Amino acid sequence: MIKPIFNASPLSITKWAYKKTNLKITPEWEELITTIENADLLLTLALDQNCPQRASILKSLYFLVGRSASKHVDVDIAKINGLLDKAKLSSDQIILNWVNRSRIILNDLRKYDYMEWCQGGFSEKDLPAIN
């Protein structure tokens, strides 16, 4: 069986994010888009309350923070801190929850829980559209 080739360019990610569909995100696509290089775009999309794929994108943001904190990737953590500084200006409680939880985990890794950060636990609590 031939695996499909995914194009995870910013344009492709944006087109996918605004596509109204009930299809679940595939693990391959989720892995491709969930990179620190896409973090700014993911935050921009998550900030848009009208984005149809917002729940999946929020899950990706939590995963980025959880993975970076647990692996102690300093460059990624610096990038995430910059994102958190931008996001804290939002009036959206879901984004503010992400900011607050992220600050906690970055300051105290003992608070890390793989299920909450990397398997969608927190995002499911805030945006139950993720199954």
C-alpha atoms as a PDB file:
ATOM      1  CA  MET A   1       0.000   0.000   0.000  1.00  0.00           C
ATOM      2  CA  ILE A   2       1.344   3.439  -0.896  1.00  0.00           C
ATOM      3  CA  LYS A   3       1.184   6.034   1.845  1.00  0.00           C
ATOM      4  CA  PRO A   4      -0.193   9.413   0.816  1.00  0.00           C
ATOM      5  CA  ILE A   5       2.248  12.282   0.630  1.00  0.00           C
ATOM      6  CA  PHE A   6       1.279  15.162   2.870  1.00  0.00           C
ATOM      7  CA  ASN A   7       2.311  18.745   2.222  1.00  0.00           C
ATOM      8  CA  ALA A   8       2.559  20.550   5.548  1.00  0.00           C
ATOM      9  CA  SER A   9       3.299  24.003   4.154  1.00  0.00           C
ATOM     10  CA  PRO A  10       1.729  26.983   5.929  1.00  0.00           C
ATOM     11  CA  LEU A  11      -0.739  27.335   3.046  1.00  0.00           C
ATOM     12  CA  SER A  12      -1.739  23.651   3.237  1.00  0.00           C
ATOM     13  CA  ILE A  13      -2.134  23.835   7.003  1.00  0.00           C
ATOM     14  CA  THR A  14      -4.298  26.946   6.720  1.00  0.00           C
ATOM     15  CA  LYS A  15      -6.471  25.390   3.997  1.00  0.00           C
ATOM     16  CA  TRP A  16      -6.948  22.274   6.125  1.00  0.00           C
ATOM     17  CA  ALA A  17      -7.708  24.360   9.235  1.00  0.00           C
ATOM     18  CA  TYR A  18     -10.592  26.150   7.537  1.00  0.00           C
ATOM     19  CA  LYS A  19     -12.064  23.070   5.880  1.00  0.00           C
ATOM     20  CA  LYS A  20     -15.340  22.136   7.504  1.00  0.00           C
ATOM     21  CA  THR A  21     -15.272  18.383   7.915  1.00  0.00           C
ATOM     22  CA  ASN A  22     -16.172  15.784  10.499  1.00  0.00           C
ATOM     23  CA  LEU A  23     -13.181  13.638   9.575  1.00  0.00           C
ATOM     24  CA  LYS A  24     -10.713  13.025  12.356  1.00  0.00           C
ATOM     25  CA  ILE A  25      -7.186  14.297  11.934  1.00  0.00           C
ATOM     26  CA  THR A  26      -4.848  11.497  10.860  1.00  0.00           C
ATOM     27  CA  PRO A  27      -1.814  10.758  13.038  1.00  0.00           C
ATOM     28  CA  GLU A  28       0.496  11.406  10.072  1.00  0.00           C
ATOM     29  CA  TRP A  29      -0.960  14.851   9.432  1.00  0.00           C
ATOM     30  CA  GLU A  30      -0.981  15.690  13.136  1.00  0.00           C
ATOM     31  CA  GLU A  31       2.693  14.756  13.377  1.00  0.00           C
ATOM     32  CA  LEU A  32       3.610  16.812  10.313  1.00  0.00           C
ATOM     33  CA  ILE A  33       1.909  19.991  11.476  1.00  0.00           C
ATOM     34  CA  THR A  34       2.931  19.759  15.131  1.00  0.00           C
ATOM     35  CA  THR A  35       6.374  21.279  14.862  1.00  0.00           C
ATOM     36  CA  ILE A  36       8.007  24.216  16.534  1.00  0.00           C
ATOM     37  CA  GLU A  37       8.455  25.749  13.076  1.00  0.00           C
ATOM     38  CA  ASN A  38       4.661  25.839  12.717  1.00  0.00           C
ATOM     39  CA  ALA A  39       4.050  27.116  16.244  1.00  0.00           C
ATOM     40  CA  ASP A  40       3.268  30.717  15.249  1.00  0.00           C
ATOM     41  CA  LEU A  41       0.815  29.580  12.594  1.00  0.00           C
ATOM     42  CA  LEU A  42      -0.817  27.102  14.969  1.00  0.00           C
ATOM     43  CA  LEU A  43      -1.276  29.834  17.567  1.00  0.00           C
ATOM     44  CA  THR A  44      -2.767  32.191  14.975  1.00  0.00           C
ATOM     45  CA  LEU A  45      -5.238  29.498  13.912  1.00  0.00           C
ATOM     46  CA  ALA A  46      -6.098  28.570  17.511  1.00  0.00           C
ATOM     47  CA  LEU A  47      -6.804  32.217  18.296  1.00  0.00           C
ATOM     48  CA  ASP A  48      -9.516  32.239  15.613  1.00  0.00           C
ATOM     49  CA  GLN A  49     -12.643  31.001  17.381  1.00  0.00           C
ATOM     50  CA  ASN A  50     -14.241  30.421  13.975  1.00  0.00           C
ATOM     51  CA  CYS A  51     -11.533  28.042  12.777  1.00  0.00           C
ATOM     52  CA  PRO A  52     -13.233  24.659  12.158  1.00  0.00           C
ATOM     53  CA  GLN A  53     -10.118  22.686  13.173  1.00  0.00           C
ATOM     54  CA  ARG A  54      -9.438  24.751  16.288  1.00  0.00           C
ATOM     55  CA  ALA A  55      -9.754  21.791  18.653  1.00  0.00           C
ATOM     56  CA  SER A  56      -7.118  19.780  16.762  1.00  0.00           C
ATOM     57  CA  ILE A  57      -4.834  22.790  16.602  1.00  0.00           C
ATOM     58  CA  LEU A  58      -5.173  23.405  20.336  1.00  0.00           C
ATOM     59  CA  LYS A  59      -4.217  19.775  20.919  1.00  0.00           C
ATOM     60  CA  SER A  60      -1.100  20.366  18.800  1.00  0.00           C
ATOM     61  CA  LEU A  61      -0.160  23.427  20.862  1.00  0.00           C
ATOM     62  CA  TYR A  62      -0.441  21.445  24.088  1.00  0.00           C
ATOM     63  CA  PHE A  63       1.644  18.677  22.567  1.00  0.00           C
ATOM     64  CA  LEU A  64       4.376  21.141  21.530  1.00  0.00           C
ATOM     65  CA  VAL A  65       4.641  22.499  25.058  1.00  0.00           C
ATOM     66  CA  GLY A  66       4.522  19.075  26.700  1.00  0.00           C
ATOM     67  CA  ARG A  67       7.145  17.580  24.405  1.00  0.00           C
ATOM     68  CA  SER A  68       9.474  20.563  24.648  1.00  0.00           C
ATOM     69  CA  ALA A  69       9.208  20.770  28.434  1.00  0.00           C
ATOM     70  CA  SER A  70       9.691  17.035  28.961  1.00  0.00           C
ATOM     71  CA  LYS A  71      12.682  16.896  26.618  1.00  0.00           C
ATOM     72  CA  HIS A  72      14.208  20.153  27.932  1.00  0.00           C
ATOM     73  CA  VAL A  73      14.713  21.574  24.441  1.00  0.00           C
ATOM     74  CA  ASP A  74      15.939  25.081  25.330  1.00  0.00           C
ATOM     75  CA  VAL A  75      15.511  26.553  21.832  1.00  0.00           C
ATOM     76  CA  ASP A  76      11.951  25.240  21.641  1.00  0.00           C
ATOM     77  CA  ILE A  77      11.159  26.464  25.147  1.00  0.00           C
ATOM     78  CA  ALA A  78      12.397  29.941  24.225  1.00  0.00           C
ATOM     79  CA  LYS A  79      10.104  29.912  21.170  1.00  0.00           C
ATOM     80  CA  ILE A  80       7.184  28.714  23.290  1.00  0.00           C
ATOM     81  CA  ASN A  81       7.787  31.470  25.840  1.00  0.00           C
ATOM     82  CA  GLY A  82       7.521  33.978  22.994  1.00  0.00           C
ATOM     83  CA  LEU A  83       4.226  32.405  21.907  1.00  0.00           C
ATOM     84  CA  LEU A  84       2.922  32.509  25.454  1.00  0.00           C
ATOM     85  CA  ASP A  85       3.783  36.206  25.682  1.00  0.00           C
ATOM     86  CA  LYS A  86       1.717  36.852  22.528  1.00  0.00           C
ATOM     87  CA  ALA A  87      -1.140  34.604  23.588  1.00  0.00           C
ATOM     88  CA  LYS A  88      -1.514  36.070  27.084  1.00  0.00           C
ATOM     89  CA  LEU A  89      -2.955  39.213  25.473  1.00  0.00           C
ATOM     90  CA  SER A  90      -5.949  37.216  24.239  1.00  0.00           C
ATOM     91  CA  SER A  91      -9.344  37.560  25.889  1.00  0.00           C
ATOM     92  CA  ASP A  92     -10.187  33.961  24.916  1.00  0.00           C
ATOM     93  CA  GLN A  93     -10.346  31.812  28.057  1.00  0.00           C
ATOM     94  CA  ILE A  94      -9.357  28.659  26.162  1.00  0.00           C
ATOM     95  CA  ILE A  95      -6.126  30.286  24.997  1.00  0.00           C
ATOM     96  CA  LEU A  96      -5.528  31.739  28.467  1.00  0.00           C
ATOM     97  CA  ASN A  97      -5.936  28.234  29.937  1.00  0.00           C
ATOM     98  CA  TRP A  98      -3.220  27.034  27.540  1.00  0.00           C
ATOM     99  CA  VAL A  99      -0.969  29.941  28.554  1.00  0.00           C
ATOM    100  CA  ASN A 100      -1.473  29.364  32.293  1.00  0.00           C
ATOM    101  CA  ARG A 101      -1.006  25.603  32.111  1.00  0.00           C
ATOM    102  CA  SER A 102       2.050  26.048  29.911  1.00  0.00           C
ATOM    103  CA  ARG A 103       3.661  28.474  32.350  1.00  0.00           C
ATOM    104  CA  ILE A 104       3.066  25.988  35.167  1.00  0.00           C
ATOM    105  CA  ILE A 105       4.681  23.077  33.327  1.00  0.00           C
ATOM    106  CA  LEU A 106       7.615  25.149  32.136  1.00  0.00           C
ATOM    107  CA  ASN A 107       8.278  26.226  35.714  1.00  0.00           C
ATOM    108  CA  ASP A 108       7.718  22.830  37.329  1.00  0.00           C
ATOM    109  CA  LEU A 109       8.100  19.701  35.226  1.00  0.00           C
ATOM    110  CA  ARG A 110       6.772  17.613  38.111  1.00  0.00           C
ATOM    111  CA  LYS A 111       3.330  18.835  37.019  1.00  0.00           C
ATOM    112  CA  TYR A 112       3.798  17.096  33.654  1.00  0.00           C
ATOM    113  CA  ASP A 113       1.227  14.442  32.773  1.00  0.00           C
ATOM    114  CA  TYR A 114       1.651  12.767  29.391  1.00  0.00           C
ATOM    115  CA  MET A 115      -2.077  12.148  28.928  1.00  0.00           C
ATOM    116  CA  GLU A 116      -2.973  15.775  29.578  1.00  0.00           C
ATOM    117  CA  TRP A 117      -0.198  17.312  27.466  1.00  0.00           C
ATOM    118  CA  CYS A 118       0.437  14.876  24.635  1.00  0.00           C
ATOM    119  CA  GLN A 119      -2.746  12.837  24.292  1.00  0.00           C
ATOM    120  CA  GLY A 120      -5.270  15.663  24.241  1.00  0.00           C
ATOM    121  CA  GLY A 121      -6.401  15.689  27.861  1.00  0.00           C
ATOM    122  CA  PHE A 122      -6.344  19.444  28.397  1.00  0.00           C
ATOM    123  CA  SER A 123      -7.572  20.303  24.917  1.00  0.00           C
ATOM    124  CA  GLU A 124     -10.459  17.843  25.304  1.00  0.00           C
ATOM    125  CA  LYS A 125     -11.447  19.501  28.587  1.00  0.00           C
ATOM    126  CA  ASP A 126     -11.507  22.951  26.995  1.00  0.00           C
ATOM    127  CA  LEU A 127     -12.776  22.068  23.499  1.00  0.00           C
ATOM    128  CA  PRO A 128     -14.582  18.719  23.663  1.00  0.00           C
ATOM    129  CA  ALA A 129     -14.865  18.551  19.857  1.00  0.00           C
ATOM    130  CA  ILE A 130     -11.740  16.374  19.804  1.00  0.00           C
ATOM    131  CA  ASN A 131     -12.682  12.720  20.011  1.00  0.00           C
END
